[in-house]
Amino acid sequence: MDLPLVDVPGGRVEYDDVPGDPALTPLLFLHEGLGSVRLWRGFHHRLAAATGRRAVAFSRLGHGGSDLPPGKRTPRYMHDEAAEVVPAVRAALGLERVVLVGHSDGGSIALLHAADPRTAEGVEAVVVLAPHVFVEEVGLRGIEQARRDFVDGDLRARMARHHRDPDVTFWNWNDGWLDDAFRDWDIRDELAGITCPVLGVQGTADPYGTVVHVEEVRDRAAGPVTLQVLDCGHAPHLERREEVEAAITRFLGAGRG
């Protein structure tokens, strides 16, 4: 079934809005580099049920059933998403108060949105799953392997089941990360602007990054940071589903958001 659309700078994005208790701060889900609403695999529905909160997930431009982006991404595309697209979604859907839940690139976008005083108002907590805060060589090797899987393997066919244009989705992400101009991307200094509580979840067998990313969030953010390190890969919310959902439920139940 087609999802509803909302206008953001550059086009329209699809979203799924799961109702919850209006007295509780809603959750806004920001997906990973090749993700979409449906590729959360029901995670936002399960957290809505577990916490009683409204949960909104949307597909960024070029992902899922959202419009294709108007142009090629720049090395600041995650900054642009945090500064322009997330505020537009929040405004359109009445998310004045919000808990951000971000995976991978979406985790980086959540951190940037919470760190910038121009956009952070109303952000009451952040949950990040395998976020990136700088360009790590091990992550680039994982992204190079994804390119081989797309060109020579079955990744393109699998992505075609979930995205309007799998080529646009993949190359916007893969070319961006492997562009020489992207090697200097580093948001560690910006993390000091985060004053709300953060839960960081990281897998020890993640091909796209090591535990150092959530440790940098812990060491640099101004607000309290809780870490959970698990024996899993890049998608802890899918690979260690029960532990992650329980950790987030505990985190939010401690008066956060």
Protein backbone atom coordinates (compact mmCIF):
# COMPACT_ATOMS: atom_id res chain seq x y z
CA MET A 1 0.00 0.00 0.00
CA ASP A 2 1.16 3.52 -0.78
CA LEU A 3 2.04 5.65 2.22
CA PRO A 4 0.98 9.31 2.62
CA LEU A 5 3.38 12.02 1.49
CA VAL A 6 4.54 15.26 3.08
CA ASP A 7 6.37 18.18 1.45
CA VAL A 8 10.00 18.83 2.36
CA PRO A 9 12.66 20.93 0.62
CA GLY A 10 13.30 19.23 -2.72
CA GLY A 11 10.17 17.10 -2.99
CA ARG A 12 7.78 14.86 -1.07
CA VAL A 13 8.63 12.07 1.35
CA GLU A 14 6.48 9.12 2.35
CA TYR A 15 5.79 8.52 6.02
CA ASP A 16 4.11 6.07 8.37
CA ASP A 17 2.43 7.56 11.45
CA VAL A 18 1.63 5.13 14.26
CA PRO A 19 -0.69 6.68 16.87
CA GLY A 20 0.13 6.78 20.57
CA ASP A 21 -0.60 8.54 23.84
CA PRO A 22 -0.64 12.31 23.11
CA ALA A 23 0.72 12.96 26.61
CA LEU A 24 3.97 11.18 25.71
CA THR A 25 6.67 12.61 23.47
CA PRO A 26 6.50 11.03 19.98
CA LEU A 27 9.31 9.07 18.35
CA LEU A 28 10.72 10.13 14.96
CA PHE A 29 12.68 7.45 13.08
CA LEU A 30 15.56 8.32 10.73
CA HIS A 31 16.69 5.40 8.58
CA GLU A 32 20.11 4.25 7.38
CA GLY A 33 21.87 4.95 4.09
CA LEU A 34 20.00 2.33 2.05
CA GLY A 35 16.88 2.27 4.22
CA SER A 36 13.25 3.34 4.02
CA VAL A 37 10.10 3.20 6.11
CA ARG A 38 9.49 -0.44 5.26
CA LEU A 39 13.09 -1.45 5.85
CA TRP A 40 12.68 -0.70 9.54
CA ARG A 41 10.93 -4.11 9.38
CA GLY A 42 8.23 -3.01 11.82
CA PHE A 43 10.68 -1.69 14.42
CA HIS A 44 8.79 1.59 14.81
CA HIS A 45 5.51 -0.27 15.26
CA ARG A 46 7.01 -2.50 17.94
CA LEU A 47 8.47 0.47 19.84
CA ALA A 48 5.16 2.30 19.60
CA ALA A 49 3.44 -0.71 21.16
CA ALA A 50 6.11 -1.16 23.83
CA THR A 51 6.22 2.48 24.90
CA GLY A 52 2.69 3.69 24.17
CA ARG A 53 4.13 6.53 22.10
CA ARG A 54 3.26 7.87 18.69
CA ALA A 55 5.94 6.74 16.21
CA VAL A 56 6.63 8.41 12.86
CA ALA A 57 9.01 6.99 10.26
CA PHE A 58 9.71 8.58 6.89
CA SER A 59 11.78 7.72 3.82
CA ARG A 60 14.28 10.36 2.79
CA LEU A 61 14.25 11.69 -0.78
CA GLY A 62 15.44 8.95 -3.12
CA HIS A 63 14.41 6.19 -0.71
CA GLY A 64 11.37 3.93 -0.62
CA GLY A 65 8.40 5.57 -2.31
CA SER A 66 9.57 9.15 -1.72
CA ASP A 67 10.35 11.51 -4.58
CA LEU A 68 13.76 11.29 -6.18
CA PRO A 69 16.20 13.99 -5.04
CA PRO A 70 16.55 17.09 -7.23
CA GLY A 71 20.33 16.68 -7.57
CA LYS A 72 23.47 14.89 -6.48
CA ARG A 73 24.25 14.92 -2.78
CA THR A 74 27.14 16.94 -1.44
CA PRO A 75 29.46 15.84 1.39
CA ARG A 76 27.21 17.87 3.70
CA TYR A 77 24.09 15.90 2.87
CA MET A 78 23.59 14.71 6.46
CA HIS A 79 23.92 18.28 7.71
CA ASP A 80 21.36 19.34 5.08
CA GLU A 81 18.94 16.60 6.14
CA ALA A 82 19.31 17.62 9.79
CA ALA A 83 18.89 21.33 9.12
CA GLU A 84 16.20 21.28 6.42
CA VAL A 85 14.33 18.00 5.99
CA VAL A 86 13.87 16.91 9.61
CA PRO A 87 12.51 20.34 10.65
CA ALA A 88 10.09 20.27 7.69
CA VAL A 89 8.79 16.83 8.68
CA ARG A 90 8.46 17.89 12.31
CA ALA A 91 6.58 21.05 11.38
CA ALA A 92 4.24 19.32 8.93
CA LEU A 93 3.35 16.49 11.31
CA GLY A 94 3.12 18.52 14.52
CA LEU A 95 6.20 17.03 16.19
CA GLU A 96 7.02 19.98 18.43
CA ARG A 97 8.39 17.62 21.07
CA VAL A 98 10.26 14.60 19.80
CA VAL A 99 12.57 11.71 20.58
CA LEU A 100 14.82 10.99 17.60
CA VAL A 101 15.64 7.37 16.78
CA GLY A 102 18.32 7.12 14.10
CA HIS A 103 20.17 4.22 12.48
CA SER A 104 23.58 4.62 10.77
CA ASP A 105 23.35 7.73 8.54
CA GLY A 106 20.04 8.44 10.26
CA GLY A 107 21.83 8.33 13.60
CA SER A 108 24.31 10.92 12.38
CA ILE A 109 21.44 13.10 11.16
CA ALA A 110 19.73 12.76 14.55
CA LEU A 111 22.91 13.82 16.36
CA LEU A 112 23.36 16.84 14.08
CA HIS A 113 19.72 17.89 14.51
CA ALA A 114 20.01 17.64 18.31
CA ALA A 115 23.36 19.46 18.37
CA ASP A 116 22.31 22.54 16.41
CA PRO A 117 20.57 25.18 18.57
CA ARG A 118 18.59 26.26 15.51
CA THR A 119 16.87 22.86 15.28
CA ALA A 120 17.30 21.24 18.71
CA GLU A 121 14.31 22.88 20.40
CA GLY A 122 11.86 20.21 21.49
CA VAL A 123 14.32 17.32 21.07
CA GLU A 124 13.93 15.60 24.41
CA ALA A 125 16.13 12.53 23.83
CA VAL A 126 18.06 10.76 21.08
CA VAL A 127 18.57 7.06 20.38
CA VAL A 128 21.31 6.23 17.88
CA LEU A 129 21.97 2.77 16.44
CA ALA A 130 25.41 2.35 14.82
CA PRO A 131 25.85 6.08 14.06
CA HIS A 132 28.81 7.62 12.22
CA VAL A 133 30.65 10.65 13.61
CA PHE A 134 33.70 10.62 11.31
CA VAL A 135 35.02 8.68 8.31
CA GLU A 136 36.65 5.48 9.53
CA GLU A 137 38.72 3.30 7.19
CA VAL A 138 36.94 0.11 8.25
CA GLY A 139 33.65 1.73 7.27
CA LEU A 140 34.96 2.63 3.83
CA ARG A 141 35.97 -0.99 3.29
CA GLY A 142 32.41 -2.03 4.11
CA ILE A 143 31.03 0.53 1.67
CA GLU A 144 33.40 -0.72 -1.05
CA GLN A 145 32.12 -4.25 -0.43
CA ALA A 146 28.54 -2.99 -0.76
CA ARG A 147 29.49 -1.58 -4.19
CA ARG A 148 30.72 -5.01 -5.28
CA ASP A 149 27.54 -6.59 -3.94
CA PHE A 150 25.43 -4.12 -5.91
CA VAL A 151 27.34 -4.42 -9.19
CA ASP A 152 28.15 -8.13 -9.15
CA GLY A 153 25.79 -9.62 -6.57
CA ASP A 154 22.09 -9.53 -5.74
CA LEU A 155 21.97 -6.29 -3.74
CA ARG A 156 20.40 -4.32 -6.59
CA ALA A 157 17.63 -6.89 -7.03
CA ARG A 158 16.92 -6.87 -3.30
CA MET A 159 16.85 -3.08 -3.19
CA ALA A 160 14.50 -2.92 -6.17
CA ARG A 161 11.80 -4.48 -3.98
CA HIS A 162 11.89 -1.53 -1.59
CA HIS A 163 12.91 1.60 -3.53
CA ARG A 164 11.37 3.50 -6.43
CA ASP A 165 14.78 3.73 -8.13
CA PRO A 166 17.40 1.44 -6.57
CA ASP A 167 20.18 2.93 -8.66
CA VAL A 168 19.53 6.45 -7.39
CA THR A 169 19.24 5.17 -3.82
CA PHE A 170 22.45 3.18 -3.96
CA TRP A 171 24.74 5.50 -5.90
CA ASN A 172 23.68 8.60 -3.95
CA TRP A 173 24.83 6.82 -0.80
CA ASN A 174 27.81 4.88 -2.12
CA ASP A 175 29.31 7.60 -4.32
CA GLY A 176 28.88 10.10 -1.50
CA TRP A 177 30.77 8.08 1.08
CA LEU A 178 33.54 7.06 -1.35
CA ASP A 179 34.06 10.56 -2.74
CA ASP A 180 37.54 11.85 -1.83
CA ALA A 181 35.87 15.10 -0.71
CA PHE A 182 33.97 13.16 1.94
CA ARG A 183 37.05 11.89 3.75
CA ASP A 184 37.23 15.04 5.86
CA TRP A 185 33.63 14.65 7.07
CA ASP A 186 33.79 14.76 10.87
CA ILE A 187 31.05 15.86 13.27
CA ARG A 188 32.84 15.12 16.56
CA ASP A 189 33.31 18.79 17.47
CA GLU A 190 29.60 19.42 16.91
CA LEU A 191 28.54 16.79 19.46
CA ALA A 192 29.19 19.24 22.31
CA GLY A 193 25.94 20.97 21.37
CA ILE A 194 23.86 17.96 22.43
CA THR A 195 22.34 18.60 25.85
CA CYS A 196 19.51 16.02 25.91
CA PRO A 197 19.98 12.40 27.06
CA VAL A 198 21.35 9.99 24.43
CA LEU A 199 21.28 6.21 24.16
CA GLY A 200 23.97 4.85 21.84
CA VAL A 201 23.81 1.25 20.61
CA GLN A 202 26.68 -0.34 18.68
CA GLY A 203 27.52 -3.82 17.44
CA THR A 204 31.03 -5.21 17.83
CA ALA A 205 30.91 -6.93 14.40
CA ASP A 206 29.66 -3.92 12.42
CA PRO A 207 31.35 -3.77 8.99
CA TYR A 208 30.62 -0.05 8.72
CA GLY A 209 32.09 1.19 11.99
CA THR A 210 33.55 0.38 15.40
CA VAL A 211 32.46 1.21 18.93
CA VAL A 212 34.59 4.37 18.84
CA HIS A 213 31.67 6.27 17.28
CA VAL A 214 29.30 5.86 20.23
CA GLU A 215 32.23 6.37 22.62
CA GLU A 216 32.89 9.74 20.96
CA VAL A 217 29.24 10.65 21.53
CA ARG A 218 29.60 9.66 25.19
CA ASP A 219 32.79 11.65 25.65
CA ARG A 220 31.80 14.80 23.75
CA ALA A 221 28.06 15.35 24.23
CA ALA A 222 27.10 17.80 26.98
CA GLY A 223 24.14 15.72 28.12
CA PRO A 224 24.07 12.25 29.71
CA VAL A 225 24.91 9.36 27.39
CA THR A 226 24.15 5.68 27.97
CA LEU A 227 25.92 3.07 25.84
CA GLN A 228 24.90 -0.47 24.97
CA VAL A 229 27.49 -2.53 23.06
CA LEU A 230 26.23 -5.82 21.63
CA ASP A 231 27.70 -8.78 19.78
CA CYS A 232 26.09 -8.08 16.40
CA GLY A 233 26.56 -6.30 13.09
CA HIS A 234 25.26 -3.04 11.64
CA ALA A 235 21.56 -3.45 12.50
CA PRO A 236 21.34 -4.13 16.25
CA HIS A 237 17.60 -3.37 16.26
CA LEU A 238 17.06 -6.31 13.88
CA GLU A 239 19.88 -8.65 14.93
CA ARG A 240 19.43 -8.26 18.70
CA ARG A 241 15.83 -7.16 18.60
CA GLU A 242 14.70 -8.00 22.12
CA GLU A 243 17.73 -6.49 23.86
CA VAL A 244 17.56 -3.28 21.84
CA GLU A 245 13.84 -2.78 22.26
CA ALA A 246 14.15 -3.43 26.01
CA ALA A 247 17.07 -0.98 26.29
CA ILE A 248 15.16 1.76 24.48
CA THR A 249 12.03 1.14 26.54
CA ARG A 250 14.09 1.40 29.75
CA PHE A 251 15.85 4.51 28.51
CA LEU A 252 12.57 6.26 27.70
CA GLY A 253 10.92 5.00 30.87
CA ALA A 254 13.51 6.77 33.01
CA GLY A 255 11.76 10.10 32.49
CA ARG A 256 13.54 10.81 29.20
CA GLY A 257 11.31 12.28 26.57
